[in-house]
Protein backbone atom coordinates (compact mmCIF):
# COMPACT_ATOMS: atom_id res chain seq x y z
CA UNK A 1 -7.26 9.65 -3.28
CA UNK A 2 -5.18 9.01 -0.20
CA UNK A 3 -2.14 7.21 -1.57
CA UNK A 4 0.89 5.63 0.09
CA UNK A 5 3.99 6.30 -1.99
CA UNK A 6 6.56 3.60 -1.19
CA UNK A 7 10.32 3.78 -1.86
CA UNK A 8 9.94 7.55 -1.99
CA UNK A 9 13.09 9.59 -2.38
CA UNK A 10 13.39 13.37 -2.27
CA UNK A 11 12.96 13.71 -6.01
CA UNK A 12 9.82 11.54 -5.86
CA UNK A 13 8.30 13.79 -3.25
CA UNK A 14 9.23 17.03 -5.01
CA UNK A 15 8.06 16.01 -8.48
CA UNK A 16 4.94 14.13 -7.39
CA UNK A 17 3.79 17.07 -5.30
CA UNK A 18 4.45 19.39 -8.24
CA UNK A 19 2.50 17.18 -10.67
CA UNK A 20 -0.31 16.83 -8.15
CA UNK A 21 -0.55 20.60 -7.72
CA UNK A 22 -0.25 21.44 -11.42
CA UNK A 23 -2.96 18.97 -12.38
CA UNK A 24 -5.28 20.20 -9.64
CA UNK A 25 -5.92 16.56 -8.71
CA UNK A 26 -5.73 17.12 -4.98
CA UNK A 27 -4.58 13.62 -4.08
CA UNK A 28 -3.39 13.12 -0.50
CA UNK A 29 0.09 11.65 -0.83
CA UNK A 30 1.74 9.84 2.08
CA UNK A 31 5.47 9.44 1.39
CA UNK A 32 7.27 6.40 2.79
CA UNK A 33 10.97 5.82 2.30
CA UNK A 34 10.48 2.15 3.10
CA UNK A 35 10.45 -0.49 0.38
CA UNK A 36 7.07 -2.19 0.15
CA UNK A 37 7.13 -5.76 1.45
CA UNK A 38 5.19 -7.93 3.87
CA UNK A 39 6.68 -6.08 6.83
CA UNK A 40 5.85 -2.57 5.62
CA UNK A 41 2.47 -3.20 3.99
CA UNK A 42 0.76 -2.11 7.21
CA UNK A 43 2.13 1.42 6.79
CA UNK A 44 -0.48 2.17 4.14
CA UNK A 45 -3.34 1.73 6.60
CA UNK A 46 -6.09 4.25 5.87
CA UNK A 47 -5.05 4.70 2.23
CA UNK A 48 -7.03 3.74 -0.85
CA UNK A 49 -4.11 3.34 -3.24
CA UNK A 50 -0.41 2.50 -3.34
CA UNK A 51 2.23 4.03 -5.62
CA UNK A 52 5.04 1.48 -5.82
CA UNK A 53 8.46 1.35 -7.46
CA UNK A 54 10.32 -1.26 -9.46
CA UNK A 55 11.96 -3.07 -6.50
CA UNK A 56 8.90 -3.09 -4.24
CA UNK A 57 7.47 -6.53 -3.48
CA UNK A 58 3.97 -6.91 -4.84
CA UNK A 59 3.75 -10.66 -4.70
CA UNK A 60 0.57 -12.44 -3.63
CA UNK A 61 1.21 -12.28 0.15
CA UNK A 62 1.79 -8.51 0.05
CA UNK A 63 -1.19 -7.90 -2.22
CA UNK A 64 -3.37 -9.90 0.17
CA UNK A 65 -2.29 -7.64 3.03
CA UNK A 66 -2.96 -4.55 0.95
CA UNK A 67 -6.42 -5.80 -0.02
CA UNK A 68 -7.24 -6.56 3.62
CA UNK A 69 -6.44 -2.92 4.43
CA UNK A 70 -8.77 -1.60 1.76
CA UNK A 71 -6.28 -0.90 -1.03
CA UNK A 72 -8.15 -0.92 -4.34
CA UNK A 73 -5.52 0.46 -6.69
CA UNK A 74 -1.78 -0.01 -7.27
CA UNK A 75 0.18 2.18 -9.67
CA UNK A 76 3.83 1.38 -10.31
CA UNK A 77 6.30 4.12 -11.21
CA UNK A 78 7.82 1.96 -13.93
CA UNK A 79 6.96 0.49 -17.31
CA UNK A 80 7.84 -3.04 -16.23
CA UNK A 81 5.54 -4.88 -13.86
CA UNK A 82 7.31 -8.21 -13.31
CA UNK A 83 7.45 -7.34 -9.58
CA UNK A 84 3.65 -7.57 -9.39
CA UNK A 85 1.66 -10.81 -9.18
CA UNK A 86 -0.98 -9.86 -11.74
CA UNK A 87 -3.08 -12.99 -11.22
CA UNK A 88 -3.24 -12.35 -7.48
CA UNK A 89 -4.20 -8.71 -8.07
CA UNK A 90 -7.08 -9.77 -10.31
CA UNK A 91 -8.24 -12.35 -7.78
CA UNK A 92 -8.22 -9.76 -5.02
CA UNK A 93 -9.97 -7.09 -7.09
CA UNK A 94 -7.00 -4.71 -7.09
CA UNK A 95 -6.61 -2.62 -10.23
CA UNK A 96 -2.98 -2.25 -11.36
CA UNK A 97 -1.59 0.46 -13.64
CA UNK A 98 1.87 1.34 -14.87
CA UNK A 99 3.77 4.06 -16.70
CA UNK A 100 3.27 2.94 -20.28
CA UNK A 101 5.83 5.33 -21.72
CA UNK A 102 8.51 7.81 -20.70
CA UNK A 103 11.53 9.32 -22.38
CA UNK A 104 13.13 6.35 -24.19
CA UNK A 105 16.18 8.51 -24.87
CA UNK A 106 17.19 8.36 -21.20
CA UNK A 107 17.84 4.60 -21.21
CA UNK A 108 19.15 4.36 -24.78
CA UNK A 109 21.68 7.14 -24.21
CA UNK A 110 22.79 5.66 -20.89
CA UNK A 111 23.34 2.26 -22.52
CA UNK A 112 25.65 3.93 -25.04
CA UNK A 113 27.46 5.66 -22.18
CA UNK A 114 27.99 2.35 -20.39
CA UNK A 115 29.32 0.77 -23.57
CA UNK A 116 31.80 3.58 -24.16
CA UNK A 117 32.87 3.57 -20.52
CA UNK A 118 33.61 -0.15 -20.34
CA UNK A 119 35.20 -0.33 -23.80
CA UNK A 120 37.47 2.70 -23.36
CA UNK A 121 38.13 2.09 -19.63
CA UNK A 122 36.90 5.60 -18.79
CA UNK A 123 36.23 4.96 -15.10
CA UNK A 124 39.67 3.40 -14.60
CA UNK A 125 41.35 6.24 -16.47
CA UNK A 126 39.57 8.84 -14.33
CA UNK A 127 40.62 7.10 -11.11
CA UNK A 128 44.24 6.97 -12.32
CA UNK A 129 44.48 10.62 -13.23
CA UNK A 130 42.99 11.64 -9.87
CA UNK A 131 46.00 9.92 -8.33
CA UNK A 132 48.44 11.59 -10.74
CA UNK A 133 48.89 8.48 -12.90
CA UNK A 134 48.73 9.35 -16.59
CA UNK A 135 50.00 6.01 -17.88
CA UNK A 136 48.03 4.46 -20.76
CA UNK A 137 48.91 0.80 -20.26
CA UNK A 138 45.80 -1.27 -19.68
CA UNK A 139 43.41 1.33 -21.11
CA UNK A 140 43.24 0.25 -24.74
CA UNK A 141 39.78 -0.26 -26.23
CA UNK A 142 38.55 -0.81 -29.77
CA UNK A 143 36.82 1.28 -32.42
CA UNK A 144 33.07 0.79 -32.50
CA UNK A 145 33.06 1.81 -36.15
CA UNK A 146 32.72 -1.27 -38.33
CA UNK A 147 31.74 -3.56 -35.46
CA UNK A 148 28.54 -5.60 -35.19
CA UNK A 149 26.10 -4.67 -32.45
CA UNK A 150 23.31 -7.02 -31.42
CA UNK A 151 20.15 -5.53 -29.92
CA UNK A 152 17.82 -7.90 -28.09
CA UNK A 153 14.50 -6.13 -27.78
CA UNK A 154 13.86 -3.58 -30.52
CA UNK A 155 11.01 -1.54 -29.07
CA UNK A 156 11.33 2.22 -28.60
CA UNK A 157 14.45 2.07 -26.42
CA UNK A 158 16.16 -0.71 -28.37
CA UNK A 159 15.49 1.01 -31.69
CA UNK A 160 16.91 4.30 -30.40
CA UNK A 161 20.02 2.51 -29.12
CA UNK A 162 20.35 0.85 -32.53
CA UNK A 163 20.03 4.22 -34.29
CA UNK A 164 22.88 5.64 -32.20
CA UNK A 165 25.04 2.59 -32.93
CA UNK A 166 24.29 2.91 -36.64
CA UNK A 167 25.51 6.48 -36.34
CA UNK A 168 28.83 5.13 -35.06
CA UNK A 169 29.11 3.13 -38.28
CA UNK A 170 28.14 -0.21 -36.75
CA UNK A 171 26.29 -3.09 -38.37
CA UNK A 172 23.14 -3.58 -36.29
CA UNK A 173 21.42 -6.92 -35.74
CA UNK A 174 18.13 -7.33 -33.92
CA UNK A 175 16.20 -10.06 -32.14
CA UNK A 176 12.59 -9.60 -31.09
CA UNK A 177 9.29 -11.46 -31.34
CA UNK A 178 7.82 -8.20 -32.65
CA UNK A 179 9.39 -6.63 -35.75
CA UNK A 180 9.76 -2.86 -35.45
CA UNK A 181 9.67 -1.03 -38.81
CA UNK A 182 11.72 1.81 -37.28
CA UNK A 183 14.52 -0.67 -36.58
CA UNK A 184 14.46 -1.88 -40.18
CA UNK A 185 14.35 1.69 -41.51
CA UNK A 186 17.63 2.58 -39.84
CA UNK A 187 19.33 -0.38 -41.50
CA UNK A 188 18.88 -2.96 -38.76
CA UNK A 189 18.56 -6.59 -39.76
CA UNK A 190 16.61 -9.19 -37.82
CA UNK A 191 18.26 -12.55 -37.20
CA UNK A 192 17.68 -15.52 -34.92
CA UNK A 193 18.98 -14.97 -31.40
CA UNK A 194 21.63 -17.68 -31.80
CA UNK A 195 23.02 -15.94 -34.89
CA UNK A 196 23.02 -12.61 -33.06
CA UNK A 197 25.09 -14.01 -30.18
CA UNK A 198 27.55 -15.63 -32.59
CA UNK A 199 28.12 -12.52 -34.73
CA UNK A 200 28.01 -9.59 -32.31
CA UNK A 201 30.96 -7.68 -30.89
CA UNK A 202 28.52 -5.89 -28.57
CA UNK A 203 25.19 -7.14 -27.23
CA UNK A 204 22.74 -4.78 -25.55
CA UNK A 205 19.58 -5.98 -23.79
CA UNK A 206 16.36 -3.96 -24.10
CA UNK A 207 13.62 -6.55 -23.62
CA UNK A 208 11.17 -7.04 -20.73
CA UNK A 209 11.63 -9.75 -18.11
CA UNK A 210 9.21 -12.62 -18.67
CA UNK A 211 9.41 -16.36 -18.09
CA UNK A 212 10.56 -16.66 -21.70
CA UNK A 213 13.40 -14.13 -21.28
CA UNK A 214 14.60 -15.01 -17.76
CA UNK A 215 18.30 -15.90 -18.00
CA UNK A 216 18.32 -15.51 -21.77
CA UNK A 217 22.02 -14.81 -21.22
CA UNK A 218 23.27 -18.01 -19.60
CA UNK A 219 26.19 -20.42 -19.70
CA UNK A 220 24.99 -21.99 -22.94
CA UNK A 221 24.37 -18.74 -24.83
CA UNK A 222 27.60 -17.21 -23.54
CA UNK A 223 29.57 -20.25 -24.75
CA UNK A 224 28.13 -19.62 -28.22
CA UNK A 225 28.82 -15.88 -28.08
CA UNK A 226 31.54 -14.34 -30.23
CA UNK A 227 34.72 -14.35 -28.12
CA UNK A 228 35.61 -10.92 -26.80
CA UNK A 229 32.03 -9.62 -26.81
CA UNK A 230 30.90 -6.77 -24.55
CA UNK A 231 27.52 -7.25 -22.85
CA UNK A 232 25.37 -4.27 -21.79
CA UNK A 233 22.18 -4.62 -19.72
CA UNK A 234 19.96 -1.65 -18.87
CA UNK A 235 16.70 -3.60 -18.86
CA UNK A 236 16.15 -6.16 -16.06
CA UNK A 237 18.76 -7.93 -13.98
CA UNK A 238 17.37 -11.45 -14.28
CA UNK A 239 17.85 -11.42 -18.04
CA UNK A 240 21.43 -12.40 -17.20
CA UNK A 241 22.62 -15.38 -15.20
CA UNK A 242 25.21 -13.45 -13.23
CA UNK A 243 27.26 -16.49 -12.20
CA UNK A 244 27.52 -17.52 -15.85
CA UNK A 245 28.58 -13.98 -16.79
CA UNK A 246 31.30 -14.04 -14.13
CA UNK A 247 32.60 -17.35 -15.53
CA UNK A 248 32.63 -15.83 -19.04
CA UNK A 249 34.57 -12.82 -17.78
CA UNK A 250 37.13 -15.10 -16.13
CA UNK A 251 37.61 -17.15 -19.30
CA UNK A 252 37.82 -14.07 -21.53
CA UNK A 253 34.72 -15.06 -23.50
CA UNK A 254 33.29 -11.72 -22.40
CA UNK A 255 35.63 -8.79 -22.96
CA UNK A 256 33.55 -6.57 -20.72
CA UNK A 257 30.25 -6.27 -18.86
CA UNK A 258 28.29 -3.08 -18.19
CA UNK A 259 25.08 -3.37 -16.16
CA UNK A 260 22.67 -0.89 -14.67
CA UNK A 261 20.45 -3.67 -13.31
CA UNK A 262 21.20 -6.75 -11.21
CA UNK A 263 19.06 -9.78 -10.46
CA UNK A 264 19.39 -9.35 -6.68
CA UNK A 265 19.24 -5.55 -6.73
CA UNK A 266 16.14 -5.17 -4.54
CA UNK A 267 18.15 -5.42 -1.32
CA UNK A 268 20.93 -3.13 -2.58
CA UNK A 269 19.90 -0.42 -5.01
CA UNK A 270 18.40 2.99 -4.21
CA UNK A 271 20.05 3.19 -0.78
CA UNK A 272 23.39 4.22 0.71
CA UNK A 273 25.26 1.12 1.92
CA UNK A 274 28.71 2.72 1.89
CA UNK A 275 29.10 2.41 5.67
CA UNK A 276 27.89 -1.19 5.87
CA UNK A 277 29.28 -4.59 4.96
CA UNK A 278 27.59 -5.84 1.80
CA UNK A 279 26.95 -9.54 2.22
CA UNK A 280 26.09 -10.17 -1.43
CA UNK A 281 29.22 -11.97 -2.58
CA UNK A 282 28.14 -11.99 -6.23
CA UNK A 283 27.94 -8.21 -6.57
CA UNK A 284 31.21 -7.92 -4.66
CA UNK A 285 32.91 -10.21 -7.16
CA UNK A 286 31.42 -8.29 -10.07
CA UNK A 287 32.70 -4.90 -8.97
CA UNK A 288 36.17 -6.36 -8.41
CA UNK A 289 36.66 -6.96 -12.15
CA UNK A 290 38.51 -4.15 -13.97
CA UNK A 291 36.42 -4.74 -17.10
CA UNK A 292 33.04 -4.49 -15.37
CA UNK A 293 30.94 -1.38 -14.70
CA UNK A 294 27.95 -1.58 -12.37
CA UNK A 295 25.59 1.36 -11.84
CA UNK A 296 22.57 1.46 -9.56
CA UNK A 297 19.56 1.39 -11.91
CA UNK A 298 19.94 5.00 -12.98
CA UNK A 299 19.47 4.74 -16.76
CA UNK A 300 15.95 6.19 -16.51
CA UNK A 301 17.09 9.02 -14.24
CA UNK A 302 16.78 12.20 -16.31
CA UNK A 303 14.69 15.28 -15.68
CA UNK A 304 12.49 14.51 -18.67
CA UNK A 305 11.89 10.86 -17.82
CA UNK A 306 11.24 11.35 -14.11
CA UNK A 307 8.90 14.27 -14.79
CA UNK A 308 6.87 12.12 -17.18
CA UNK A 309 6.80 9.17 -14.76
CA UNK A 310 5.48 11.34 -11.93
CA UNK A 311 2.86 13.01 -14.11
CA UNK A 312 1.65 9.64 -15.34
CA UNK A 313 1.45 8.38 -11.76
CA UNK A 314 -0.83 11.30 -10.85
CA UNK A 315 -2.86 10.73 -14.01
CA UNK A 316 -3.27 7.06 -13.09
CA UNK A 317 -4.61 7.98 -9.67
CA UNK A 318 -6.98 10.56 -11.14
CA UNK A 319 -8.30 8.29 -13.87
CA UNK A 320 -8.94 5.46 -11.43
CA UNK A 321 -10.67 7.81 -8.99
CA UNK A 322 -12.98 9.20 -11.68
CA UNK A 323 -13.52 5.94 -13.53
CA UNK A 324 -11.81 7.19 -16.68
CA UNK A 325 -10.07 4.73 -18.99
CA UNK A 326 -6.48 3.89 -18.13
CA UNK A 327 -5.88 2.68 -21.69
CA UNK A 328 -2.50 1.02 -22.26
CA UNK A 329 -1.49 1.92 -18.71
CA UNK A 330 -3.91 -0.68 -17.34
CA UNK A 331 -2.17 -3.90 -16.31
CA UNK A 332 -4.89 -5.68 -14.31
């Protein structure tokens, strides 16, 4: 199938071409660095399918433009699909698929890294020593051993994060509409979300973004959070009301914040803006805090995870082209 690959970076091109060749699929891949939106939808003219990424815009207006150009299939290089208007896709007769699974270790391990970095002030310490400053004042953290860690979303990634935290000697609490036996087996205990916020020294988010979870961390929940808590988010930016988090950082209610996702990241992440003036005042305020770490949606970015994502993308194209079942990868 002739497929337009939007938001394509060098690693996308290299690994997709490799997966395409190794599978013998023979798909014609058109790589576009542009983010998919209403202004760039026309670039896929002549294609049958679109391979999108997590910050591409696949709302109803864009899907309508794609359908008008003959696009019959959209595959997203992500597990989440909150950036896609599923109802509009169904109405327009566009089949949508996703990456149902990739290395969960990549995100779980990165979440632990963010927690350690913000707790032990690792980034600040590294910057100091580069300048010849070996003073320790202002770098004190706390032992994770014996602390309570709350995990919101206990699927594969959340359960792996919980297992690592249990290995540190932490008490692990969980909140999820679905109870994972693996989480219970490692000693995790399910509680109501309100109890989790009140008891946790660390809270890590690993749930999908839905209408029910949008801004699950907000001014009200933060006010009820255990004072001095550290919040980690490697899932979706809009799980956190960023303005409320900033207020909690200012008051000291939050001891630290470590995020790999941001609710307005679509206009910022996956591009080099170092020579431009960033007009997003919220992200500028966030990065000014000494107890905040922001990374650019890189938790998934390991050789194993990316390789699996690209192979699944090729498999999605092949299965749609041949009429084979997409199974749990089918979204619409």
